[in-house]
C-alpha atoms as a PDB file:
ATOM      1  CA  MET A   1     160.260 113.158 116.292  1.00  0.00           C
ATOM      2  CA  ALA A   2     161.098 113.073 112.502  1.00  0.00           C
ATOM      3  CA  ILE A   3     159.911 114.620 109.425  1.00  0.00           C
ATOM      4  CA  THR A   4     157.828 112.487 106.924  1.00  0.00           C
ATOM      5  CA  CYS A   5     157.842 113.094 103.323  1.00  0.00           C
ATOM      6  CA  PRO A   6     153.995 113.143 102.511  1.00  0.00           C
ATOM      7  CA  HIS A   7     154.850 111.123  99.142  1.00  0.00           C
ATOM      8  CA  CYS A   8     156.844 108.544  99.919  1.00  0.00           C
ATOM      9  CA  GLY A   9     156.593 108.332 103.295  1.00  0.00           C
ATOM     10  CA  LEU A  10     160.347 108.901 103.803  1.00  0.00           C
ATOM     11  CA  GLN A  11     161.862 109.997 107.287  1.00  0.00           C
ATOM     12  CA  TYR A  12     164.035 112.611 108.192  1.00  0.00           C
ATOM     13  CA  ASP A  13     165.792 112.897 111.793  1.00  0.00           C
ATOM     14  CA  SER A  14     164.439 116.581 113.277  1.00  0.00           C
ATOM     15  CA  THR A  15     166.623 116.622 116.039  1.00  0.00           C
ATOM     16  CA  LEU A  16     169.676 118.276 114.222  1.00  0.00           C
ATOM     17  CA  PHE A  17     168.853 121.402 112.595  1.00  0.00           C
ATOM     18  CA  GLN A  18     165.954 124.289 112.273  1.00  0.00           C
ATOM     19  CA  PHE A  19     164.587 125.199 109.046  1.00  0.00           C
ATOM     20  CA  GLY A  20     160.989 125.899 108.271  1.00  0.00           C
ATOM     21  CA  GLN A  21     160.828 126.357 104.459  1.00  0.00           C
ATOM     22  CA  SER A  22     161.157 123.793 101.381  1.00  0.00           C
ATOM     23  CA  VAL A  23     162.623 120.428 101.440  1.00  0.00           C
ATOM     24  CA  ARG A  24     163.673 118.791  98.449  1.00  0.00           C
ATOM     25  CA  CYS A  25     163.328 114.752  99.486  1.00  0.00           C
ATOM     26  CA  ASP A  26     164.913 111.495  98.157  1.00  0.00           C
ATOM     27  CA  CYS A  27     161.451 110.904  95.972  1.00  0.00           C
ATOM     28  CA  GLY A  28     162.137 114.151  93.975  1.00  0.00           C
ATOM     29  CA  MET A  29     159.353 116.141  96.227  1.00  0.00           C
ATOM     30  CA  ASN A  30     159.088 119.473  97.452  1.00  0.00           C
ATOM     31  CA  PHE A  31     157.296 119.826 100.683  1.00  0.00           C
ATOM     32  CA  ASP A  32     157.171 122.366 103.614  1.00  0.00           C
ATOM     33  CA  ILE A  33     158.365 121.653 106.743  1.00  0.00           C
ATOM     34  CA  SER A  34     155.718 123.148 109.252  1.00  0.00           C
ATOM     35  CA  GLU A  35     157.147 125.271 112.341  1.00  0.00           C
ATOM     36  CA  GLY A  36     158.985 123.490 114.706  1.00  0.00           C
ATOM     37  CA  HIS A  37     160.604 120.660 112.346  1.00  0.00           C
ATOM     38  CA  GLN A  38     163.912 120.578 111.830  1.00  0.00           C
ATOM     39  CA  LEU A  39     165.800 119.374 108.717  1.00  0.00           C
ATOM     40  CA  MET A  40     168.811 116.991 109.127  1.00  0.00           C
ATOM     41  CA  MET A  41     171.821 118.740 109.203  1.00  0.00           C
ATOM     42  CA  PRO A  42     175.069 117.267 111.292  1.00  0.00           C
ATOM     43  CA  GLN A  43     176.975 120.454 112.475  1.00  0.00           C
ATOM     44  CA  PRO A  44     176.027 123.746 113.792  1.00  0.00           C
ATOM     45  CA  ILE A  45     176.578 126.876 111.426  1.00  0.00           C
ATOM     46  CA  GLU A  46     179.661 128.550 112.204  1.00  0.00           C
ATOM     47  CA  GLY A  47     180.262 130.370 108.833  1.00  0.00           C
ATOM     48  CA  VAL A  48     178.410 131.496 105.876  1.00  0.00           C
ATOM     49  CA  LEU A  49     179.438 131.847 102.280  1.00  0.00           C
ATOM     50  CA  VAL A  50     177.794 134.296 100.126  1.00  0.00           C
ATOM     51  CA  ASP A  51     177.669 135.082  96.466  1.00  0.00           C
ATOM     52  CA  ILE A  52     177.247 138.241  95.243  1.00  0.00           C
ATOM     53  CA  ALA A  53     175.584 138.872  92.189  1.00  0.00           C
ATOM     54  CA  GLY A  54     171.880 137.631  92.027  1.00  0.00           C
ATOM     55  CA  VAL A  55     172.100 137.532  95.663  1.00  0.00           C
ATOM     56  CA  LEU A  56     172.760 141.093  97.036  1.00  0.00           C
ATOM     57  CA  TYR A  57     171.989 143.038  93.353  1.00  0.00           C
ATOM     58  CA  THR A  58     171.015 142.620  90.163  1.00  0.00           C
ATOM     59  CA  GLY A  59     172.344 144.876  87.844  1.00  0.00           C
ATOM     60  CA  ALA A  60     172.953 148.473  89.331  1.00  0.00           C
ATOM     61  CA  ASP A  61     169.878 147.738  91.676  1.00  0.00           C
ATOM     62  CA  PRO A  62     170.123 146.259  95.275  1.00  0.00           C
ATOM     63  CA  ILE A  63     167.878 143.347  95.992  1.00  0.00           C
ATOM     64  CA  PRO A  64     165.319 144.478  98.884  1.00  0.00           C
ATOM     65  CA  GLY A  65     166.255 143.919 102.315  1.00  0.00           C
ATOM     66  CA  ALA A  66     169.897 142.747 101.424  1.00  0.00           C
ATOM     67  CA  ALA A  67     171.969 144.987 103.015  1.00  0.00           C
ATOM     68  CA  ASP A  68     169.732 144.646 106.189  1.00  0.00           C
ATOM     69  CA  ALA A  69     169.801 140.903 106.159  1.00  0.00           C
ATOM     70  CA  LEU A  70     173.947 141.032 105.909  1.00  0.00           C
ATOM     71  CA  ARG A  71     174.049 143.430 108.702  1.00  0.00           C
ATOM     72  CA  ARG A  72     172.334 141.122 111.102  1.00  0.00           C
ATOM     73  CA  LEU A  73     174.393 138.463 109.956  1.00  0.00           C
ATOM     74  CA  LYS A  74     177.400 140.033 110.696  1.00  0.00           C
ATOM     75  CA  ALA A  75     175.994 141.097 113.772  1.00  0.00           C
ATOM     76  CA  SER A  76     175.457 137.641 114.692  1.00  0.00           C
ATOM     77  CA  GLY A  77     179.324 136.826 114.926  1.00  0.00           C
ATOM     78  CA  LEU A  78     178.974 133.876 112.500  1.00  0.00           C
ATOM     79  CA  ALA A  79     182.195 133.980 110.193  1.00  0.00           C
ATOM     80  CA  ILE A  80     181.410 135.753 106.641  1.00  0.00           C
ATOM     81  CA  ARG A  81     183.153 135.340 103.364  1.00  0.00           C
ATOM     82  CA  TYR A  82     181.990 136.442  99.843  1.00  0.00           C
ATOM     83  CA  LEU A  83     182.631 134.541  96.743  1.00  0.00           C
ATOM     84  CA  THR A  84     182.283 135.254  93.441  1.00  0.00           C
ATOM     85  CA  ASN A  85     182.746 134.581  90.176  1.00  0.00           C
ATOM     86  CA  THR A  86     182.118 138.338  88.781  1.00  0.00           C
ATOM     87  CA  THR A  87     184.679 139.059  86.128  1.00  0.00           C
ATOM     88  CA  ARG A  88     183.363 142.478  84.484  1.00  0.00           C
ATOM     89  CA  SER A  89     185.051 145.014  86.968  1.00  0.00           C
ATOM     90  CA  THR A  90     188.147 144.575  89.428  1.00  0.00           C
ATOM     91  CA  ARG A  91     187.617 144.000  93.072  1.00  0.00           C
ATOM     92  CA  ALA A  92     188.371 147.459  93.914  1.00  0.00           C
ATOM     93  CA  ARG A  93     185.412 148.581  91.747  1.00  0.00           C
ATOM     94  CA  LEU A  94     183.554 145.719  93.254  1.00  0.00           C
ATOM     95  CA  MET A  95     183.721 146.916  96.392  1.00  0.00           C
ATOM     96  CA  ALA A  96     183.045 150.395  95.598  1.00  0.00           C
ATOM     97  CA  LYS A  97     179.973 149.118  94.299  1.00  0.00           C
ATOM     98  CA  LEU A  98     178.768 147.236  97.328  1.00  0.00           C
ATOM     99  CA  HIS A  99     179.786 150.092  99.660  1.00  0.00           C
ATOM    100  CA  GLY A 100     177.695 152.404  97.460  1.00  0.00           C
ATOM    101  CA  MET A 101     174.543 150.151  97.670  1.00  0.00           C
ATOM    102  CA  GLY A 102     175.216 149.970 101.291  1.00  0.00           C
ATOM    103  CA  PHE A 103     176.555 146.701 101.906  1.00  0.00           C
ATOM    104  CA  ASP A 104     179.098 146.453 104.728  1.00  0.00           C
ATOM    105  CA  VAL A 105     181.829 144.262 103.249  1.00  0.00           C
ATOM    106  CA  ASP A 106     185.320 143.905 104.038  1.00  0.00           C
ATOM    107  CA  THR A 107     187.982 143.610 101.702  1.00  0.00           C
ATOM    108  CA  SER A 108     189.647 140.826 103.044  1.00  0.00           C
ATOM    109  CA  SER A 109     186.534 138.530 102.931  1.00  0.00           C
ATOM    110  CA  LEU A 110     186.012 139.279  99.378  1.00  0.00           C
ATOM    111  CA  PHE A 111     187.027 136.371  97.635  1.00  0.00           C
ATOM    112  CA  THR A 112     186.911 136.918  93.703  1.00  0.00           C
ATOM    113  CA  ALA A 113     187.527 134.452  91.027  1.00  0.00           C
ATOM    114  CA  PRO A 114     190.046 137.110  89.058  1.00  0.00           C
ATOM    115  CA  ILE A 115     192.070 137.703  92.228  1.00  0.00           C
ATOM    116  CA  ALA A 116     192.330 133.556  92.478  1.00  0.00           C
ATOM    117  CA  THR A 117     193.169 133.246  88.593  1.00  0.00           C
ATOM    118  CA  LEU A 118     195.987 135.938  88.751  1.00  0.00           C
ATOM    119  CA  LYS A 119     197.733 134.015  91.539  1.00  0.00           C
ATOM    120  CA  TYR A 120     197.096 130.992  89.716  1.00  0.00           C
ATOM    121  CA  VAL A 121     198.905 132.234  86.642  1.00  0.00           C
ATOM    122  CA  GLN A 122     201.715 133.531  88.449  1.00  0.00           C
ATOM    123  CA  GLN A 123     202.343 130.461  90.779  1.00  0.00           C
ATOM    124  CA  HIS A 124     202.310 128.438  87.523  1.00  0.00           C
ATOM    125  CA  ARG A 125     204.703 131.319  85.649  1.00  0.00           C
ATOM    126  CA  LEU A 126     201.824 131.380  82.909  1.00  0.00           C
ATOM    127  CA  ARG A 127     201.935 134.084  80.148  1.00  0.00           C
ATOM    128  CA  PRO A 128     198.366 134.559  79.707  1.00  0.00           C
ATOM    129  CA  PHE A 129     196.180 136.093  76.394  1.00  0.00           C
ATOM    130  CA  LEU A 130     193.363 137.468  78.055  1.00  0.00           C
ATOM    131  CA  LEU A 131     190.193 137.146  76.942  1.00  0.00           C
ATOM    132  CA  VAL A 132     188.573 139.586  79.579  1.00  0.00           C
ATOM    133  CA  HIS A 133     186.231 142.366  80.088  1.00  0.00           C
ATOM    134  CA  ALA A 134     187.940 145.468  78.979  1.00  0.00           C
ATOM    135  CA  ASP A 135     187.155 146.600  82.719  1.00  0.00           C
ATOM    136  CA  LEU A 136     189.212 143.637  84.088  1.00  0.00           C
ATOM    137  CA  GLU A 137     192.012 144.040  82.439  1.00  0.00           C
ATOM    138  CA  GLU A 138     193.912 146.033  85.133  1.00  0.00           C
ATOM    139  CA  GLU A 139     193.397 143.363  87.666  1.00  0.00           C
ATOM    140  CA  PHE A 140     196.070 141.373  85.509  1.00  0.00           C
ATOM    141  CA  ALA A 141     198.653 144.578  85.363  1.00  0.00           C
ATOM    142  CA  GLU A 142     200.747 142.303  87.263  1.00  0.00           C
ATOM    143  CA  ALA A 143     200.730 139.260  84.822  1.00  0.00           C
ATOM    144  CA  ASN A 144     203.417 138.641  82.053  1.00  0.00           C
ATOM    145  CA  CYS A 145     201.430 138.483  78.733  1.00  0.00           C
ATOM    146  CA  GLU A 146     203.952 138.575  76.103  1.00  0.00           C
ATOM    147  CA  GLN A 147     204.245 135.386  73.922  1.00  0.00           C
ATOM    148  CA  PRO A 148     201.192 133.753  75.386  1.00  0.00           C
ATOM    149  CA  ASN A 149     201.203 130.079  76.522  1.00  0.00           C
ATOM    150  CA  ALA A 150     198.046 130.246  78.381  1.00  0.00           C
ATOM    151  CA  VAL A 151     194.358 131.702  77.633  1.00  0.00           C
ATOM    152  CA  VAL A 152     192.510 133.328  80.554  1.00  0.00           C
ATOM    153  CA  VAL A 153     188.557 133.462  79.922  1.00  0.00           C
ATOM    154  CA  GLY A 154     186.488 135.741  82.042  1.00  0.00           C
ATOM    155  CA  ASP A 155     183.263 137.185  81.272  1.00  0.00           C
ATOM    156  CA  ALA A 156     184.562 139.127  78.158  1.00  0.00           C
ATOM    157  CA  GLY A 157     181.136 140.869  77.064  1.00  0.00           C
ATOM    158  CA  ASP A 158     181.804 142.272  73.515  1.00  0.00           C
ATOM    159  CA  ALA A 159     185.688 141.190  73.259  1.00  0.00           C
ATOM    160  CA  PHE A 160     183.990 137.714  72.538  1.00  0.00           C
ATOM    161  CA  ASN A 161     183.990 137.719  68.599  1.00  0.00           C
ATOM    162  CA  TYR A 162     185.798 135.689  65.924  1.00  0.00           C
ATOM    163  CA  ARG A 163     188.924 137.477  66.260  1.00  0.00           C
ATOM    164  CA  THR A 164     189.956 137.484  70.100  1.00  0.00           C
ATOM    165  CA  LEU A 165     188.219 133.583  69.964  1.00  0.00           C
ATOM    166  CA  ASN A 166     190.212 132.360  67.020  1.00  0.00           C
ATOM    167  CA  GLU A 167     193.353 133.849  68.559  1.00  0.00           C
ATOM    168  CA  ALA A 168     192.477 132.000  71.731  1.00  0.00           C
ATOM    169  CA  PHE A 169     192.052 129.065  69.726  1.00  0.00           C
ATOM    170  CA  ARG A 170     195.254 128.996  67.834  1.00  0.00           C
ATOM    171  CA  ILE A 171     197.550 129.399  71.003  1.00  0.00           C
ATOM    172  CA  LEU A 172     195.466 126.346  72.666  1.00  0.00           C
ATOM    173  CA  MET A 173     196.540 124.209  69.260  1.00  0.00           C
ATOM    174  CA  ASP A 174     200.124 125.341  70.035  1.00  0.00           C
ATOM    175  CA  GLY A 175     200.350 123.628  73.236  1.00  0.00           C
ATOM    176  CA  GLY A 176     198.707 126.567  75.279  1.00  0.00           C
ATOM    177  CA  VAL A 177     196.946 125.850  78.454  1.00  0.00           C
ATOM    178  CA  LEU A 178     192.853 127.017  78.995  1.00  0.00           C
ATOM    179  CA  ILE A 179     191.856 128.784  82.233  1.00  0.00           C
ATOM    180  CA  SER A 180     188.741 129.825  82.733  1.00  0.00           C
ATOM    181  CA  MET A 181     187.165 131.946  85.966  1.00  0.00           C
ATOM    182  CA  GLY A 182     184.229 130.004  86.110  1.00  0.00           C
ATOM    183  CA  SER A 183     181.871 127.770  84.274  1.00  0.00           C
ATOM    184  CA  ASN A 184     178.952 130.017  84.759  1.00  0.00           C
ATOM    185  CA  ARG A 185     176.557 129.508  81.899  1.00  0.00           C
ATOM    186  CA  TYR A 186     174.338 132.651  82.069  1.00  0.00           C
ATOM    187  CA  PHE A 187     173.783 135.663  84.388  1.00  0.00           C
ATOM    188  CA  ARG A 188     170.926 137.642  84.720  1.00  0.00           C
ATOM    189  CA  GLU A 189     171.216 141.525  83.755  1.00  0.00           C
ATOM    190  CA  PRO A 190     168.400 144.253  84.219  1.00  0.00           C
ATOM    191  CA  ASP A 191     167.236 143.514  80.674  1.00  0.00           C
ATOM    192  CA  GLY A 192     167.283 139.719  80.747  1.00  0.00           C
ATOM    193  CA  LEU A 193     169.396 136.897  81.307  1.00  0.00           C
ATOM    194  CA  SER A 194     172.760 136.775  79.270  1.00  0.00           C
ATOM    195  CA  LEU A 195     175.501 134.616  77.980  1.00  0.00           C
ATOM    196  CA  ASP A 196     178.376 134.054  80.684  1.00  0.00           C
ATOM    197  CA  MET A 197     181.663 132.748  80.174  1.00  0.00           C
ATOM    198  CA  GLY A 198     181.069 128.936  80.101  1.00  0.00           C
ATOM    199  CA  PRO A 199     179.584 128.815  76.402  1.00  0.00           C
ATOM    200  CA  PHE A 200     182.561 130.313  75.290  1.00  0.00           C
ATOM    201  CA  VAL A 201     185.178 128.310  77.179  1.00  0.00           C
ATOM    202  CA  GLU A 202     183.010 124.999  76.265  1.00  0.00           C
ATOM    203  CA  ALA A 203     183.202 126.145  72.389  1.00  0.00           C
ATOM    204  CA  LEU A 204     186.974 126.272  72.815  1.00  0.00           C
ATOM    205  CA  ARG A 205     187.501 122.959  74.609  1.00  0.00           C
ATOM    206  CA  PHE A 206     185.483 121.292  71.574  1.00  0.00           C
ATOM    207  CA  ALA A 207     187.533 123.157  69.027  1.00  0.00           C
ATOM    208  CA  SER A 208     191.080 122.750  70.660  1.00  0.00           C
ATOM    209  CA  GLY A 209     190.514 119.722  72.881  1.00  0.00           C
ATOM    210  CA  VAL A 210     192.155 121.237  75.438  1.00  0.00           C
ATOM    211  CA  GLU A 211     190.566 120.628  79.035  1.00  0.00           C
ATOM    212  CA  PRO A 212     190.039 123.763  81.011  1.00  0.00           C
ATOM    213  CA  THR A 213     191.314 124.768  84.391  1.00  0.00           C
ATOM    214  CA  ILE A 214     188.532 125.862  86.299  1.00  0.00           C
ATOM    215  CA  ILE A 215     189.433 128.469  88.895  1.00  0.00           C
ATOM    216  CA  GLY A 216     186.188 130.052  90.455  1.00  0.00           C
ATOM    217  CA  LYS A 217     183.256 128.334  91.500  1.00  0.00           C
ATOM    218  CA  PRO A 218     182.300 125.455  91.406  1.00  0.00           C
ATOM    219  CA  SER A 219     186.024 124.863  91.849  1.00  0.00           C
ATOM    220  CA  ALA A 220     186.756 122.821  95.006  1.00  0.00           C
ATOM    221  CA  ASN A 221     190.036 124.864  95.535  1.00  0.00           C
ATOM    222  CA  PHE A 222     188.076 127.987  95.390  1.00  0.00           C
ATOM    223  CA  PHE A 223     185.467 126.531  97.993  1.00  0.00           C
ATOM    224  CA  GLN A 224     188.544 125.599 100.056  1.00  0.00           C
ATOM    225  CA  GLN A 225     190.174 128.687 100.345  1.00  0.00           C
ATOM    226  CA  ALA A 226     187.335 130.137 101.977  1.00  0.00           C
ATOM    227  CA  LEU A 227     186.611 127.746 104.490  1.00  0.00           C
ATOM    228  CA  GLU A 228     190.560 127.569 105.461  1.00  0.00           C
ATOM    229  CA  ASP A 229     190.097 131.124 105.879  1.00  0.00           C
ATOM    230  CA  MET A 230     187.576 131.104 108.331  1.00  0.00           C
ATOM    231  CA  ARG A 231     189.261 127.643 109.978  1.00  0.00           C
ATOM    232  CA  LEU A 232     186.375 125.839 109.488  1.00  0.00           C
ATOM    233  CA  SER A 233     185.733 122.422 108.203  1.00  0.00           C
ATOM    234  CA  ALA A 234     183.113 122.205 105.488  1.00  0.00           C
ATOM    235  CA  SER A 235     180.149 120.647 107.618  1.00  0.00           C
ATOM    236  CA  ARG A 236     180.163 123.581 109.565  1.00  0.00           C
ATOM    237  CA  ALA A 237     179.488 125.900 106.898  1.00  0.00           C
ATOM    238  CA  VAL A 238     176.712 126.879 104.290  1.00  0.00           C
ATOM    239  CA  MET A 239     176.913 128.693 101.097  1.00  0.00           C
ATOM    240  CA  ILE A 240     173.766 131.344  99.858  1.00  0.00           C
ATOM    241  CA  GLY A 241     173.676 131.661  96.080  1.00  0.00           C
ATOM    242  CA  ASP A 242     171.144 132.428  93.182  1.00  0.00           C
ATOM    243  CA  ASP A 243     173.237 129.236  91.043  1.00  0.00           C
ATOM    244  CA  LEU A 244     172.036 126.326  91.313  1.00  0.00           C
ATOM    245  CA  GLU A 245     174.799 124.401  89.165  1.00  0.00           C
ATOM    246  CA  ASN A 246     177.927 126.751  90.673  1.00  0.00           C
ATOM    247  CA  ASP A 247     176.923 127.968  94.075  1.00  0.00           C
ATOM    248  CA  VAL A 248     174.791 125.149  95.571  1.00  0.00           C
ATOM    249  CA  GLY A 249     176.201 122.587  93.774  1.00  0.00           C
ATOM    250  CA  GLY A 250     179.668 123.668  94.133  1.00  0.00           C
ATOM    251  CA  ALA A 251     178.935 123.518  97.980  1.00  0.00           C
ATOM    252  CA  GLN A 252     177.398 120.425  98.241  1.00  0.00           C
ATOM    253  CA  ALA A 253     179.950 118.848  96.320  1.00  0.00           C
ATOM    254  CA  CYS A 254     182.638 120.371  98.906  1.00  0.00           C
ATOM    255  CA  ASP A 255     180.236 118.613 101.353  1.00  0.00           C
ATOM    256  CA  ILE A 256     179.193 122.250 102.486  1.00  0.00           C
ATOM    257  CA  ARG A 257     175.330 122.922 102.945  1.00  0.00           C
ATOM    258  CA  GLY A 258     173.863 125.225  99.968  1.00  0.00           C
ATOM    259  CA  ILE A 259     171.014 127.627 100.072  1.00  0.00           C
ATOM    260  CA  LEU A 260     169.290 128.817  96.806  1.00  0.00           C
ATOM    261  CA  VAL A 261     167.369 132.057  96.540  1.00  0.00           C
ATOM    262  CA  ARG A 262     164.952 132.810  94.108  1.00  0.00           C
ATOM    263  CA  THR A 263     166.520 136.018  93.017  1.00  0.00           C
ATOM    264  CA  GLY A 264     168.884 136.565  90.496  1.00  0.00           C
ATOM    265  CA  LYS A 265     169.313 133.898  87.789  1.00  0.00           C
ATOM    266  CA  TYR A 266     167.297 131.733  90.059  1.00  0.00           C
ATOM    267  CA  ARG A 267     164.466 129.947  87.520  1.00  0.00           C
ATOM    268  CA  PRO A 268     161.433 127.553  88.903  1.00  0.00           C
ATOM    269  CA  VAL A 269     162.697 124.697  87.069  1.00  0.00           C
ATOM    270  CA  ASP A 270     165.629 124.765  89.404  1.00  0.00           C
ATOM    271  CA  GLU A 271     163.669 123.644  91.899  1.00  0.00           C
ATOM    272  CA  THR A 272     162.768 120.140  90.030  1.00  0.00           C
ATOM    273  CA  ASP A 273     166.220 119.200  88.925  1.00  0.00           C
ATOM    274  CA  GLU A 274     167.406 115.792  89.758  1.00  0.00           C
ATOM    275  CA  ALA A 275     170.581 116.180  89.538  1.00  0.00           C
ATOM    276  CA  ILE A 276     171.502 118.949  92.710  1.00  0.00           C
ATOM    277  CA  ARG A 277     168.986 119.101  95.435  1.00  0.00           C
ATOM    278  CA  PRO A 278     169.464 122.568  97.699  1.00  0.00           C
ATOM    279  CA  HIS A 279     169.221 122.359 101.493  1.00  0.00           C
ATOM    280  CA  LEU A 280     166.846 125.067 101.624  1.00  0.00           C
ATOM    281  CA  ILE A 281     165.230 127.145  98.917  1.00  0.00           C
ATOM    282  CA  VAL A 282     164.156 130.206 100.152  1.00  0.00           C
ATOM    283  CA  ASN A 283     162.780 133.585  98.459  1.00  0.00           C
ATOM    284  CA  ASP A 284     165.656 135.696  99.154  1.00  0.00           C
ATOM    285  CA  VAL A 285     168.969 136.535 101.044  1.00  0.00           C
ATOM    286  CA  THR A 286     166.515 137.581 103.787  1.00  0.00           C
ATOM    287  CA  GLY A 287     164.759 134.736 104.379  1.00  0.00           C
ATOM    288  CA  ALA A 288     168.291 132.718 104.356  1.00  0.00           C
ATOM    289  CA  VAL A 289     169.634 134.683 106.675  1.00  0.00           C
ATOM    290  CA  ASP A 290     166.417 134.426 108.943  1.00  0.00           C
ATOM    291  CA  GLU A 291     166.709 130.752 108.870  1.00  0.00           C
ATOM    292  CA  ILE A 292     170.602 130.309 109.645  1.00  0.00           C
ATOM    293  CA  LEU A 293     170.276 132.764 112.619  1.00  0.00           C
ATOM    294  CA  LYS A 294     167.078 131.042 114.041  1.00  0.00           C
ATOM    295  CA  THR A 295     168.925 128.013 113.995  1.00  0.00           C
ATOM    296  CA  ALA A 296     172.044 129.854 116.153  1.00  0.00           C
ATOM    297  CA  HIS A 297     169.630 131.133 118.425  1.00  0.00           C
ATOM    298  CA  GLU A 298     168.218 127.777 119.222  1.00  0.00           C
ATOM    299  CA  ARG A 299     171.397 126.039 119.868  1.00  0.00           C
END
């Protein structure tokens, strides 16, 4: 049995994976799979990677149904790891926030870009100038920041100003290393979209000519750490995210399937992007979990 694109006639093998939502054909058209049809997927899902901000909550508000969806996913026995580029709070504060919203998340399953960045800095014996949010500084308490020979950039919020950016620029011009915790262009706050670290890293790159090392998503190393922790190959994992470029695109570049949710920073234009085509687009994390569990139950 095959799925046929109603626009170009391209057929997909329907014996491999169950999904009941929107499919992006190679011709660029989105179409719905009717009940019982299946989208081409080579391996069963055994592990799920989940983004946090924009998928589980926005600002201080949990996304309706998200906590229950995670409980069902955890009860299924599938491996779960949480990957986040959130750089405005420490891992401890992030855990407290998640637990306060009713999310049952284990510290060992949470992979944060700041922790990965600290490890990178220590392994390479770098002395970072921290261009980060004030609430994140304590995460780098173990780093030696005297006489900086590197610049570490996160979502610094109001700490992004001429003085701090120029200080970072001078360090780079003196031979410093540029490290970014992610390449996110923007994120969603309760009052609208806000600039993330990516545009400021790009400004520093442009001015200094120093290419940044990206530690968090979409870095392949960041995804690989989670896969190794689950002891799974990329073909047996799926990523749920609201960021087309860093979540879905980053995962797909590592041969991990990507599901885009219509929450957080999602915009309708994401569904017509020519470069990145999610394996599945659903309304929210509840819809993503429904489809993943449906597939698991039918295998």
